[in-house]
Amino acid sequence: MHRVTRHAITIRAFRMLHPDAGFWIAHQLSRKLADNTRDRAVLDRAERAQGQYAERLLARRPDLELVILAHTHRPALAQLPNGRAYLNPGAFLDDGRYAVVTKNNVELKAFH
């Protein structure tokens, strides 16, 4: 599915749509294609892949200080060189997890 959704032609076509139509399509697809797996190995691979993607993005984009990705719903905070960071705040509905980002700090938190 990633090959289709990240293909240049798909991206160009999606950009031509009105935002309301684009959101409707994305919502319909996400309901049908949602990965409801509980397979720990699959989730672990997804978590590692997301972290690696963030680190590669930060390596090639010196203008970025923080990359926030949340798709895996697994909390992560990786402080990288030069004060840069990758953050996954996790899912609020899982133990009330959230993140606080300020000019000088990035923190993972949870309501208890």
PDB file of N, CA and C in Angstrom:
ATOM      1  N   MET A   1       0.825  -1.201   0.000  1.00  0.00           N
ATOM      2  CA  MET A   1       0.000   0.000   0.000  1.00  0.00           C
ATOM      3  C   MET A   1       0.864   1.256   0.000  1.00  0.00           C
ATOM      4  N   HIS A   2       2.006   1.202   0.704  1.00  0.00           N
ATOM      5  CA  HIS A   2       2.880   2.373   0.737  1.00  0.00           C
ATOM      6  C   HIS A   2       3.393   2.741  -0.649  1.00  0.00           C
ATOM      7  N   ARG A   3       3.674   1.728  -1.478  1.00  0.00           N
ATOM      8  CA  ARG A   3       4.131   2.014  -2.840  1.00  0.00           C
ATOM      9  C   ARG A   3       3.086   2.809  -3.611  1.00  0.00           C
ATOM     10  N   VAL A   4       1.839   2.492  -3.397  1.00  0.00           N
ATOM     11  CA  VAL A   4       0.764   3.196  -4.099  1.00  0.00           C
ATOM     12  C   VAL A   4       0.591   4.594  -3.524  1.00  0.00           C
ATOM     13  N   THR A   5       0.483   4.715  -2.206  1.00  0.00           N
ATOM     14  CA  THR A   5       0.192   6.013  -1.596  1.00  0.00           C
ATOM     15  C   THR A   5       1.354   6.992  -1.686  1.00  0.00           C
ATOM     16  N   ARG A   6       2.571   6.491  -1.793  1.00  0.00           N
ATOM     17  CA  ARG A   6       3.738   7.376  -1.867  1.00  0.00           C
ATOM     18  C   ARG A   6       4.267   7.570  -3.288  1.00  0.00           C
ATOM     19  N   HIS A   7       3.597   6.998  -4.259  1.00  0.00           N
ATOM     20  CA  HIS A   7       4.019   7.147  -5.651  1.00  0.00           C
ATOM     21  C   HIS A   7       3.752   8.591  -6.102  1.00  0.00           C
ATOM     22  N   ALA A   8       4.650   9.143  -6.912  1.00  0.00           N
ATOM     23  CA  ALA A   8       4.539  10.540  -7.353  1.00  0.00           C
ATOM     24  C   ALA A   8       3.218  10.822  -8.068  1.00  0.00           C
ATOM     25  N   ILE A   9       2.742   9.896  -8.872  1.00  0.00           N
ATOM     26  CA  ILE A   9       1.475  10.100  -9.591  1.00  0.00           C
ATOM     27  C   ILE A   9       0.310  10.169  -8.615  1.00  0.00           C
ATOM     28  N   THR A  10       0.306   9.282  -7.614  1.00  0.00           N
ATOM     29  CA  THR A  10      -0.762   9.295  -6.606  1.00  0.00           C
ATOM     30  C   THR A  10      -0.748  10.609  -5.845  1.00  0.00           C
ATOM     31  N   ILE A  11       0.427  11.052  -5.457  1.00  0.00           N
ATOM     32  CA  ILE A  11       0.544  12.306  -4.704  1.00  0.00           C
ATOM     33  C   ILE A  11       0.039  13.483  -5.538  1.00  0.00           C
ATOM     34  N   ARG A  12       0.451  13.552  -6.807  1.00  0.00           N
ATOM     35  CA  ARG A  12      -0.021  14.635  -7.689  1.00  0.00           C
ATOM     36  C   ARG A  12      -1.539  14.606  -7.844  1.00  0.00           C
ATOM     37  N   ALA A  13      -2.089  13.427  -8.055  1.00  0.00           N
ATOM     38  CA  ALA A  13      -3.546  13.308  -8.225  1.00  0.00           C
ATOM     39  C   ALA A  13      -4.275  13.725  -6.957  1.00  0.00           C
ATOM     40  N   PHE A  14      -3.764  13.310  -5.807  1.00  0.00           N
ATOM     41  CA  PHE A  14      -4.415  13.645  -4.538  1.00  0.00           C
ATOM     42  C   PHE A  14      -4.368  15.152  -4.284  1.00  0.00           C
ATOM     43  N   ARG A  15      -3.274  15.804  -4.680  1.00  0.00           N
ATOM     44  CA  ARG A  15      -3.150  17.253  -4.489  1.00  0.00           C
ATOM     45  C   ARG A  15      -4.143  18.032  -5.345  1.00  0.00           C
ATOM     46  N   MET A  16      -4.607  17.445  -6.425  1.00  0.00           N
ATOM     47  CA  MET A  16      -5.570  18.118  -7.290  1.00  0.00           C
ATOM     48  C   MET A  16      -6.980  18.085  -6.713  1.00  0.00           C
ATOM     49  N   LEU A  17      -7.222  17.233  -5.741  1.00  0.00           N
ATOM     50  CA  LEU A  17      -8.552  17.114  -5.142  1.00  0.00           C
ATOM     51  C   LEU A  17      -8.818  18.253  -4.169  1.00  0.00           C
ATOM     52  N   HIS A  18     -10.076  18.564  -4.015  1.00  0.00           N
ATOM     53  CA  HIS A  18     -10.478  19.498  -2.958  1.00  0.00           C
ATOM     54  C   HIS A  18     -10.169  18.822  -1.620  1.00  0.00           C
ATOM     55  N   PRO A  19      -9.709  19.580  -0.607  1.00  0.00           N
ATOM     56  CA  PRO A  19      -9.383  18.958   0.686  1.00  0.00           C
ATOM     57  C   PRO A  19     -10.511  18.126   1.285  1.00  0.00           C
ATOM     58  N   ASP A  20     -11.754  18.560   1.129  1.00  0.00           N
ATOM     59  CA  ASP A  20     -12.873  17.780   1.672  1.00  0.00           C
ATOM     60  C   ASP A  20     -12.930  16.397   1.031  1.00  0.00           C
ATOM     61  N   ALA A  21     -12.725  16.333  -0.287  1.00  0.00           N
ATOM     62  CA  ALA A  21     -12.738  15.042  -0.979  1.00  0.00           C
ATOM     63  C   ALA A  21     -11.542  14.196  -0.557  1.00  0.00           C
ATOM     64  N   GLY A  22     -10.397  14.835  -0.422  1.00  0.00           N
ATOM     65  CA  GLY A  22      -9.202  14.110   0.007  1.00  0.00           C
ATOM     66  C   GLY A  22      -9.356  13.510   1.390  1.00  0.00           C
ATOM     67  N   PHE A  23      -9.894  14.284   2.327  1.00  0.00           N
ATOM     68  CA  PHE A  23     -10.110  13.768   3.685  1.00  0.00           C
ATOM     69  C   PHE A  23     -11.133  12.642   3.691  1.00  0.00           C
ATOM     70  N   TRP A  24     -12.172  12.778   2.880  1.00  0.00           N
ATOM     71  CA  TRP A  24     -13.181  11.721   2.812  1.00  0.00           C
ATOM     72  C   TRP A  24     -12.548  10.422   2.315  1.00  0.00           C
ATOM     73  N   ILE A  25     -11.749  10.506   1.240  1.00  0.00           N
ATOM     74  CA  ILE A  25     -11.089   9.315   0.703  1.00  0.00           C
ATOM     75  C   ILE A  25     -10.152   8.708   1.744  1.00  0.00           C
ATOM     76  N   ALA A  26      -9.345   9.543   2.379  1.00  0.00           N
ATOM     77  CA  ALA A  26      -8.411   9.045   3.400  1.00  0.00           C
ATOM     78  C   ALA A  26      -9.164   8.362   4.540  1.00  0.00           C
ATOM     79  N   HIS A  27     -10.276   8.944   4.948  1.00  0.00           N
ATOM     80  CA  HIS A  27     -11.070   8.352   6.032  1.00  0.00           C
ATOM     81  C   HIS A  27     -11.636   6.992   5.612  1.00  0.00           C
ATOM     82  N   GLN A  28     -12.162   6.920   4.393  1.00  0.00           N
ATOM     83  CA  GLN A  28     -12.719   5.655   3.911  1.00  0.00           C
ATOM     84  C   GLN A  28     -11.644   4.578   3.826  1.00  0.00           C
ATOM     85  N   LEU A  29     -10.477   4.942   3.295  1.00  0.00           N
ATOM     86  CA  LEU A  29      -9.386   3.974   3.179  1.00  0.00           C
ATOM     87  C   LEU A  29      -8.868   3.551   4.546  1.00  0.00           C
ATOM     88  N   SER A  30      -8.747   4.490   5.457  1.00  0.00           N
ATOM     89  CA  SER A  30      -8.205   4.135   6.774  1.00  0.00           C
ATOM     90  C   SER A  30      -9.131   3.167   7.508  1.00  0.00           C
ATOM     91  N   ARG A  31     -10.438   3.304   7.311  1.00  0.00           N
ATOM     92  CA  ARG A  31     -11.368   2.361   7.954  1.00  0.00           C
ATOM     93  C   ARG A  31     -11.231   0.965   7.371  1.00  0.00           C
ATOM     94  N   LYS A  32     -10.996   0.886   6.075  1.00  0.00           N
ATOM     95  CA  LYS A  32     -10.908  -0.415   5.416  1.00  0.00           C
ATOM     96  C   LYS A  32      -9.518  -1.047   5.514  1.00  0.00           C
ATOM     97  N   LEU A  33      -8.488  -0.216   5.554  1.00  0.00           N
ATOM     98  CA  LEU A  33      -7.122  -0.733   5.519  1.00  0.00           C
ATOM     99  C   LEU A  33      -6.425  -0.690   6.879  1.00  0.00           C
ATOM    100  N   ALA A  34      -7.129  -0.269   7.891  1.00  0.00           N
ATOM    101  CA  ALA A  34      -6.505  -0.158   9.213  1.00  0.00           C
ATOM    102  C   ALA A  34      -5.894  -1.487   9.627  1.00  0.00           C
ATOM    103  N   ASP A  35      -4.683  -1.400  10.148  1.00  0.00           N
ATOM    104  CA  ASP A  35      -3.993  -2.607  10.595  1.00  0.00           C
ATOM    105  C   ASP A  35      -4.356  -2.831  12.059  1.00  0.00           C
ATOM    106  N   ASN A  36      -5.202  -3.782  12.298  1.00  0.00           N
ATOM    107  CA  ASN A  36      -5.633  -4.073  13.665  1.00  0.00           C
ATOM    108  C   ASN A  36      -4.815  -5.187  14.284  1.00  0.00           C
ATOM    109  N   THR A  37      -3.633  -5.421  13.758  1.00  0.00           N
ATOM    110  CA  THR A  37      -2.811  -6.516  14.246  1.00  0.00           C
ATOM    111  C   THR A  37      -2.378  -6.289  15.692  1.00  0.00           C
ATOM    112  N   ARG A  38      -2.245  -7.353  16.390  1.00  0.00           N
ATOM    113  CA  ARG A  38      -1.699  -7.329  17.752  1.00  0.00           C
ATOM    114  C   ARG A  38      -0.420  -8.150  17.787  1.00  0.00           C
ATOM    115  N   ASP A  39       0.062  -8.550  16.610  1.00  0.00           N
ATOM    116  CA  ASP A  39       1.294  -9.321  16.498  1.00  0.00           C
ATOM    117  C   ASP A  39       2.463  -8.445  16.936  1.00  0.00           C
ATOM    118  N   ARG A  40       3.064  -8.805  18.039  1.00  0.00           N
ATOM    119  CA  ARG A  40       4.139  -7.994  18.637  1.00  0.00           C
ATOM    120  C   ARG A  40       5.307  -7.787  17.669  1.00  0.00           C
ATOM    121  N   ALA A  41       5.666  -8.804  16.904  1.00  0.00           N
ATOM    122  CA  ALA A  41       6.778  -8.680  15.966  1.00  0.00           C
ATOM    123  C   ALA A  41       6.480  -7.635  14.890  1.00  0.00           C
ATOM    124  N   VAL A  42       5.257  -7.608  14.398  1.00  0.00           N
ATOM    125  CA  VAL A  42       4.863  -6.633  13.386  1.00  0.00           C
ATOM    126  C   VAL A  42       4.919  -5.227  13.981  1.00  0.00           C
ATOM    127  N   LEU A  43       4.389  -5.070  15.181  1.00  0.00           N
ATOM    128  CA  LEU A  43       4.394  -3.763  15.835  1.00  0.00           C
ATOM    129  C   LEU A  43       5.815  -3.297  16.147  1.00  0.00           C
ATOM    130  N   ASP A  44       6.677  -4.221  16.576  1.00  0.00           N
ATOM    131  CA  ASP A  44       8.074  -3.874  16.858  1.00  0.00           C
ATOM    132  C   ASP A  44       8.787  -3.411  15.588  1.00  0.00           C
ATOM    133  N   ARG A  45       8.548  -4.103  14.471  1.00  0.00           N
ATOM    134  CA  ARG A  45       9.153  -3.709  13.194  1.00  0.00           C
ATOM    135  C   ARG A  45       8.684  -2.321  12.779  1.00  0.00           C
ATOM    136  N   ALA A  46       7.408  -2.066  12.934  1.00  0.00           N
ATOM    137  CA  ALA A  46       6.856  -0.761  12.566  1.00  0.00           C
ATOM    138  C   ALA A  46       7.462   0.344  13.433  1.00  0.00           C
ATOM    139  N   GLU A  47       7.614   0.069  14.708  1.00  0.00           N
ATOM    140  CA  GLU A  47       8.207   1.052  15.620  1.00  0.00           C
ATOM    141  C   GLU A  47       9.654   1.362  15.214  1.00  0.00           C
ATOM    142  N   ARG A  48      10.438   0.318  14.934  1.00  0.00           N
ATOM    143  CA  ARG A  48      11.836   0.519  14.511  1.00  0.00           C
ATOM    144  C   ARG A  48      11.910   1.270  13.185  1.00  0.00           C
ATOM    145  N   ALA A  49      11.058   0.890  12.243  1.00  0.00           N
ATOM    146  CA  ALA A  49      11.062   1.540  10.933  1.00  0.00           C
ATOM    147  C   ALA A  49      10.722   3.023  11.062  1.00  0.00           C
ATOM    148  N   GLN A  50       9.783   3.349  11.920  1.00  0.00           N
ATOM    149  CA  GLN A  50       9.398   4.743  12.104  1.00  0.00           C
ATOM    150  C   GLN A  50      10.543   5.537  12.721  1.00  0.00           C
ATOM    151  N   GLY A  51      11.206   4.982  13.716  1.00  0.00           N
ATOM    152  CA  GLY A  51      12.350   5.654  14.333  1.00  0.00           C
ATOM    153  C   GLY A  51      13.494   5.853  13.348  1.00  0.00           C
ATOM    154  N   GLN A  52      13.767   4.841  12.538  1.00  0.00           N
ATOM    155  CA  GLN A  52      14.832   4.943  11.532  1.00  0.00           C
ATOM    156  C   GLN A  52      14.482   5.994  10.482  1.00  0.00           C
ATOM    157  N   TYR A  53      13.217   6.029  10.078  1.00  0.00           N
ATOM    158  CA  TYR A  53      12.776   7.039   9.116  1.00  0.00           C
ATOM    159  C   TYR A  53      13.017   8.435   9.678  1.00  0.00           C
ATOM    160  N   ALA A  54      12.646   8.656  10.937  1.00  0.00           N
ATOM    161  CA  ALA A  54      12.816   9.966  11.561  1.00  0.00           C
ATOM    162  C   ALA A  54      14.292  10.352  11.626  1.00  0.00           C
ATOM    163  N   GLU A  55      15.146   9.412  11.993  1.00  0.00           N
ATOM    164  CA  GLU A  55      16.580   9.706  12.072  1.00  0.00           C
ATOM    165  C   GLU A  55      17.162  10.024  10.694  1.00  0.00           C
ATOM    166  N   ARG A  56      16.745   9.306   9.665  1.00  0.00           N
ATOM    167  CA  ARG A  56      17.223   9.596   8.301  1.00  0.00           C
ATOM    168  C   ARG A  56      16.735  10.970   7.838  1.00  0.00           C
ATOM    169  N   LEU A  57      15.488  11.285   8.171  1.00  0.00           N
ATOM    170  CA  LEU A  57      14.936  12.585   7.801  1.00  0.00           C
ATOM    171  C   LEU A  57      15.727  13.707   8.465  1.00  0.00           C
ATOM    172  N   LEU A  58      16.017  13.556   9.752  1.00  0.00           N
ATOM    173  CA  LEU A  58      16.800  14.570  10.455  1.00  0.00           C
ATOM    174  C   LEU A  58      18.219  14.668   9.902  1.00  0.00           C
ATOM    175  N   ALA A  59      18.782  13.555   9.470  1.00  0.00           N
ATOM    176  CA  ALA A  59      20.143  13.557   8.928  1.00  0.00           C
ATOM    177  C   ALA A  59      20.214  14.330   7.609  1.00  0.00           C
ATOM    178  N   ARG A  60      19.163  14.238   6.785  1.00  0.00           N
ATOM    179  CA  ARG A  60      19.216  14.913   5.487  1.00  0.00           C
ATOM    180  C   ARG A  60      18.571  16.295   5.501  1.00  0.00           C
ATOM    181  N   ARG A  61      17.925  16.659   6.609  1.00  0.00           N
ATOM    182  CA  ARG A  61      17.273  17.969   6.710  1.00  0.00           C
ATOM    183  C   ARG A  61      17.811  18.740   7.910  1.00  0.00           C
ATOM    184  N   PRO A  62      18.948  19.421   7.751  1.00  0.00           N
ATOM    185  CA  PRO A  62      19.531  20.160   8.877  1.00  0.00           C
ATOM    186  C   PRO A  62      18.650  21.310   9.361  1.00  0.00           C
ATOM    187  N   ASP A  63      17.646  21.699   8.580  1.00  0.00           N
ATOM    188  CA  ASP A  63      16.748  22.774   8.990  1.00  0.00           C
ATOM    189  C   ASP A  63      15.704  22.307  10.003  1.00  0.00           C
ATOM    190  N   LEU A  64      15.577  20.993  10.203  1.00  0.00           N
ATOM    191  CA  LEU A  64      14.606  20.459  11.167  1.00  0.00           C
ATOM    192  C   LEU A  64      15.263  20.223  12.522  1.00  0.00           C
ATOM    193  N   GLU A  65      14.552  20.570  13.568  1.00  0.00           N
ATOM    194  CA  GLU A  65      15.039  20.305  14.919  1.00  0.00           C
ATOM    195  C   GLU A  65      14.281  19.166  15.582  1.00  0.00           C
ATOM    196  N   LEU A  66      13.051  18.929  15.127  1.00  0.00           N
ATOM    197  CA  LEU A  66      12.193  17.932  15.757  1.00  0.00           C
ATOM    198  C   LEU A  66      11.324  17.262  14.699  1.00  0.00           C
ATOM    199  N   VAL A  67      11.259  15.934  14.770  1.00  0.00           N
ATOM    200  CA  VAL A  67      10.339  15.173  13.923  1.00  0.00           C
ATOM    201  C   VAL A  67       9.368  14.482  14.859  1.00  0.00           C
ATOM    202  N   ILE A  68       8.078  14.694  14.624  1.00  0.00           N
ATOM    203  CA  ILE A  68       7.038  14.073  15.433  1.00  0.00           C
ATOM    204  C   ILE A  68       6.252  13.122  14.535  1.00  0.00           C
ATOM    205  N   LEU A  69       6.255  11.845  14.897  1.00  0.00           N
ATOM    206  CA  LEU A  69       5.480  10.825  14.203  1.00  0.00           C
ATOM    207  C   LEU A  69       4.704  10.055  15.259  1.00  0.00           C
ATOM    208  N   ALA A  70       3.486   9.689  14.938  1.00  0.00           N
ATOM    209  CA  ALA A  70       2.676   9.041  15.961  1.00  0.00           C
ATOM    210  C   ALA A  70       1.941   7.805  15.463  1.00  0.00           C
ATOM    211  N   HIS A  71       2.187   7.400  14.257  1.00  0.00           N
ATOM    212  CA  HIS A  71       1.391   6.341  13.660  1.00  0.00           C
ATOM    213  C   HIS A  71       1.426   5.032  14.446  1.00  0.00           C
ATOM    214  N   THR A  72       2.564   4.690  15.046  1.00  0.00           N
ATOM    215  CA  THR A  72       2.651   3.415  15.759  1.00  0.00           C
ATOM    216  C   THR A  72       2.013   3.459  17.140  1.00  0.00           C
ATOM    217  N   HIS A  73       1.724   4.646  17.643  1.00  0.00           N
ATOM    218  CA  HIS A  73       1.128   4.834  18.972  1.00  0.00           C
ATOM    219  C   HIS A  73       2.054   4.378  20.097  1.00  0.00           C
ATOM    220  N   ARG A  74       3.321   4.158  19.803  1.00  0.00           N
ATOM    221  CA  ARG A  74       4.279   3.733  20.817  1.00  0.00           C
ATOM    222  C   ARG A  74       5.139   4.920  21.216  1.00  0.00           C
ATOM    223  N   PRO A  75       5.107   5.295  22.499  1.00  0.00           N
ATOM    224  CA  PRO A  75       5.869   6.470  22.914  1.00  0.00           C
ATOM    225  C   PRO A  75       7.371   6.269  22.733  1.00  0.00           C
ATOM    226  N   ALA A  76       8.012   7.318  22.200  1.00  0.00           N
ATOM    227  CA  ALA A  76       9.462   7.275  22.009  1.00  0.00           C
ATOM    228  C   ALA A  76       9.988   8.702  21.986  1.00  0.00           C
ATOM    229  N   LEU A  77      11.150   8.880  22.567  1.00  0.00           N
ATOM    230  CA  LEU A  77      11.832  10.165  22.512  1.00  0.00           C
ATOM    231  C   LEU A  77      13.309   9.867  22.337  1.00  0.00           C
ATOM    232  N   ALA A  78      13.836  10.201  21.166  1.00  0.00           N
ATOM    233  CA  ALA A  78      15.252   9.980  20.875  1.00  0.00           C
ATOM    234  C   ALA A  78      15.911  11.340  20.729  1.00  0.00           C
ATOM    235  N   GLN A  79      16.760  11.681  21.683  1.00  0.00           N
ATOM    236  CA  GLN A  79      17.520  12.923  21.606  1.00  0.00           C
ATOM    237  C   GLN A  79      18.726  12.671  20.718  1.00  0.00           C
ATOM    238  N   LEU A  80      18.834  13.411  19.643  1.00  0.00           N
ATOM    239  CA  LEU A  80      19.905  13.238  18.686  1.00  0.00           C
ATOM    240  C   LEU A  80      20.920  14.368  18.836  1.00  0.00           C
ATOM    241  N   PRO A  81      22.065  14.263  18.177  1.00  0.00           N
ATOM    242  CA  PRO A  81      23.083  15.316  18.292  1.00  0.00           C
ATOM    243  C   PRO A  81      22.532  16.702  17.945  1.00  0.00           C
ATOM    244  N   ASN A  82      23.185  17.703  18.491  1.00  0.00           N
ATOM    245  CA  ASN A  82      22.847  19.116  18.240  1.00  0.00           C
ATOM    246  C   ASN A  82      21.453  19.494  18.720  1.00  0.00           C
ATOM    247  N   GLY A  83      20.955  18.815  19.745  1.00  0.00           N
ATOM    248  CA  GLY A  83      19.666  19.167  20.323  1.00  0.00           C
ATOM    249  C   GLY A  83      18.465  18.792  19.475  1.00  0.00           C
ATOM    250  N   ARG A  84      18.658  17.979  18.475  1.00  0.00           N
ATOM    251  CA  ARG A  84      17.558  17.552  17.617  1.00  0.00           C
ATOM    252  C   ARG A  84      16.920  16.306  18.210  1.00  0.00           C
ATOM    253  N   ALA A  85      15.666  16.038  17.830  1.00  0.00           N
ATOM    254  CA  ALA A  85      14.974  14.917  18.466  1.00  0.00           C
ATOM    255  C   ALA A  85      13.908  14.321  17.561  1.00  0.00           C
ATOM    256  N   TYR A  86      13.627  13.049  17.829  1.00  0.00           N
ATOM    257  CA  TYR A  86      12.492  12.335  17.240  1.00  0.00           C
ATOM    258  C   TYR A  86      11.529  12.049  18.386  1.00  0.00           C
ATOM    259  N   LEU A  87      10.257  12.343  18.172  1.00  0.00           N
ATOM    260  CA  LEU A  87       9.246  12.174  19.207  1.00  0.00           C
ATOM    261  C   LEU A  87       8.052  11.418  18.656  1.00  0.00           C
ATOM    262  N   ASN A  88       7.629  10.409  19.395  1.00  0.00           N
ATOM    263  CA  ASN A  88       6.344   9.758  19.175  1.00  0.00           C
ATOM    264  C   ASN A  88       5.630   9.860  20.519  1.00  0.00           C
ATOM    265  N   PRO A  89       4.612  10.696  20.617  1.00  0.00           N
ATOM    266  CA  PRO A  89       3.966  10.883  21.917  1.00  0.00           C
ATOM    267  C   PRO A  89       3.156   9.683  22.389  1.00  0.00           C
ATOM    268  N   GLY A  90       3.000   8.685  21.554  1.00  0.00           N
ATOM    269  CA  GLY A  90       2.157   7.555  21.939  1.00  0.00           C
ATOM    270  C   GLY A  90       0.700   7.907  21.686  1.00  0.00           C
ATOM    271  N   ALA A  91      -0.182   7.185  22.321  1.00  0.00           N
ATOM    272  CA  ALA A  91      -1.615   7.429  22.127  1.00  0.00           C
ATOM    273  C   ALA A  91      -2.234   7.902  23.435  1.00  0.00           C
ATOM    274  N   PHE A  92      -2.946   9.019  23.372  1.00  0.00           N
ATOM    275  CA  PHE A  92      -3.565   9.548  24.575  1.00  0.00           C
ATOM    276  C   PHE A  92      -4.529   8.539  25.191  1.00  0.00           C
ATOM    277  N   LEU A  93      -5.207   7.779  24.361  1.00  0.00           N
ATOM    278  CA  LEU A  93      -6.174   6.817  24.878  1.00  0.00           C
ATOM    279  C   LEU A  93      -5.507   5.609  25.531  1.00  0.00           C
ATOM    280  N   ASP A  94      -4.203   5.453  25.341  1.00  0.00           N
ATOM    281  CA  ASP A  94      -3.437   4.396  26.012  1.00  0.00           C
ATOM    282  C   ASP A  94      -2.696   5.021  27.182  1.00  0.00           C
ATOM    283  N   ASP A  95      -3.272   4.965  28.359  1.00  0.00           N
ATOM    284  CA  ASP A  95      -2.644   5.482  29.583  1.00  0.00           C
ATOM    285  C   ASP A  95      -2.481   6.994  29.603  1.00  0.00           C
ATOM    286  N   GLY A  96      -3.229   7.728  28.839  1.00  0.00           N
ATOM    287  CA  GLY A  96      -3.192   9.185  28.886  1.00  0.00           C
ATOM    288  C   GLY A  96      -1.860   9.781  28.469  1.00  0.00           C
ATOM    289  N   ARG A  97      -1.213   9.189  27.509  1.00  0.00           N
ATOM    290  CA  ARG A  97       0.105   9.660  27.076  1.00  0.00           C
ATOM    291  C   ARG A  97      -0.010  10.921  26.223  1.00  0.00           C
ATOM    292  N   TYR A  98       0.972  11.815  26.424  1.00  0.00           N
ATOM    293  CA  TYR A  98       1.050  13.029  25.617  1.00  0.00           C
ATOM    294  C   TYR A  98       2.472  13.570  25.696  1.00  0.00           C
ATOM    295  N   ALA A  99       2.757  14.593  24.913  1.00  0.00           N
ATOM    296  CA  ALA A  99       4.086  15.203  24.907  1.00  0.00           C
ATOM    297  C   ALA A  99       3.948  16.703  25.143  1.00  0.00           C
ATOM    298  N   VAL A 100       4.976  17.262  25.728  1.00  0.00           N
ATOM    299  CA  VAL A 100       5.064  18.707  25.902  1.00  0.00           C
ATOM    300  C   VAL A 100       6.323  19.164  25.171  1.00  0.00           C
ATOM    301  N   VAL A 101       6.132  20.060  24.217  1.00  0.00           N
ATOM    302  CA  VAL A 101       7.253  20.570  23.431  1.00  0.00           C
ATOM    303  C   VAL A 101       7.342  22.067  23.666  1.00  0.00           C
ATOM    304  N   THR A 102       8.502  22.514  24.129  1.00  0.00           N
ATOM    305  CA  THR A 102       8.773  23.937  24.298  1.00  0.00           C
ATOM    306  C   THR A 102      10.007  24.282  23.471  1.00  0.00           C
ATOM    307  N   LYS A 103      10.357  25.525  23.462  1.00  0.00           N
ATOM    308  CA  LYS A 103      11.513  25.959  22.681  1.00  0.00           C
ATOM    309  C   LYS A 103      12.790  25.247  23.113  1.00  0.00           C
ATOM    310  N   ASN A 104      12.910  24.934  24.397  1.00  0.00           N
ATOM    311  CA  ASN A 104      14.137  24.358  24.923  1.00  0.00           C
ATOM    312  C   ASN A 104      14.038  22.902  25.379  1.00  0.00           C
ATOM    313  N   ASN A 105      12.860  22.293  25.248  1.00  0.00           N
ATOM    314  CA  ASN A 105      12.714  20.955  25.829  1.00  0.00           C
ATOM    315  C   ASN A 105      11.596  20.159  25.152  1.00  0.00           C
ATOM    316  N   VAL A 106      11.768  18.842  25.150  1.00  0.00           N
ATOM    317  CA  VAL A 106      10.758  17.916  24.666  1.00  0.00           C
ATOM    318  C   VAL A 106      10.583  16.863  25.750  1.00  0.00           C
ATOM    319  N   GLU A 107       9.346  16.635  26.194  1.00  0.00           N
ATOM    320  CA  GLU A 107       9.080  15.666  27.261  1.00  0.00           C
ATOM    321  C   GLU A 107       7.915  14.755  26.894  1.00  0.00           C
ATOM    322  N   LEU A 108       8.023  13.503  27.295  1.00  0.00           N
ATOM    323  CA  LEU A 108       6.899  12.581  27.237  1.00  0.00           C
ATOM    324  C   LEU A 108       6.248  12.574  28.609  1.00  0.00           C
ATOM    325  N   LYS A 109       4.927  12.599  28.633  1.00  0.00           N
ATOM    326  CA  LYS A 109       4.209  12.612  29.904  1.00  0.00           C
ATOM    327  C   LYS A 109       3.003  11.679  29.819  1.00  0.00           C
ATOM    328  N   ALA A 110       2.412  11.418  30.977  1.00  0.00           N
ATOM    329  CA  ALA A 110       1.185  10.628  31.032  1.00  0.00           C
ATOM    330  C   ALA A 110       0.341  11.080  32.204  1.00  0.00           C
ATOM    331  N   PHE A 111      -0.956  11.162  31.996  1.00  0.00           N
ATOM    332  CA  PHE A 111      -1.867  11.423  33.110  1.00  0.00           C
ATOM    333  C   PHE A 111      -1.944  10.170  33.959  1.00  0.00           C
ATOM    334  N   HIS A 112      -1.924  10.323  35.235  1.00  0.00           N
ATOM    335  CA  HIS A 112      -2.044   9.157  36.131  1.00  0.00           C
ATOM    336  C   HIS A 112      -3.217   9.317  37.057  1.00  0.00           C
TER     337      HIS A 112
END
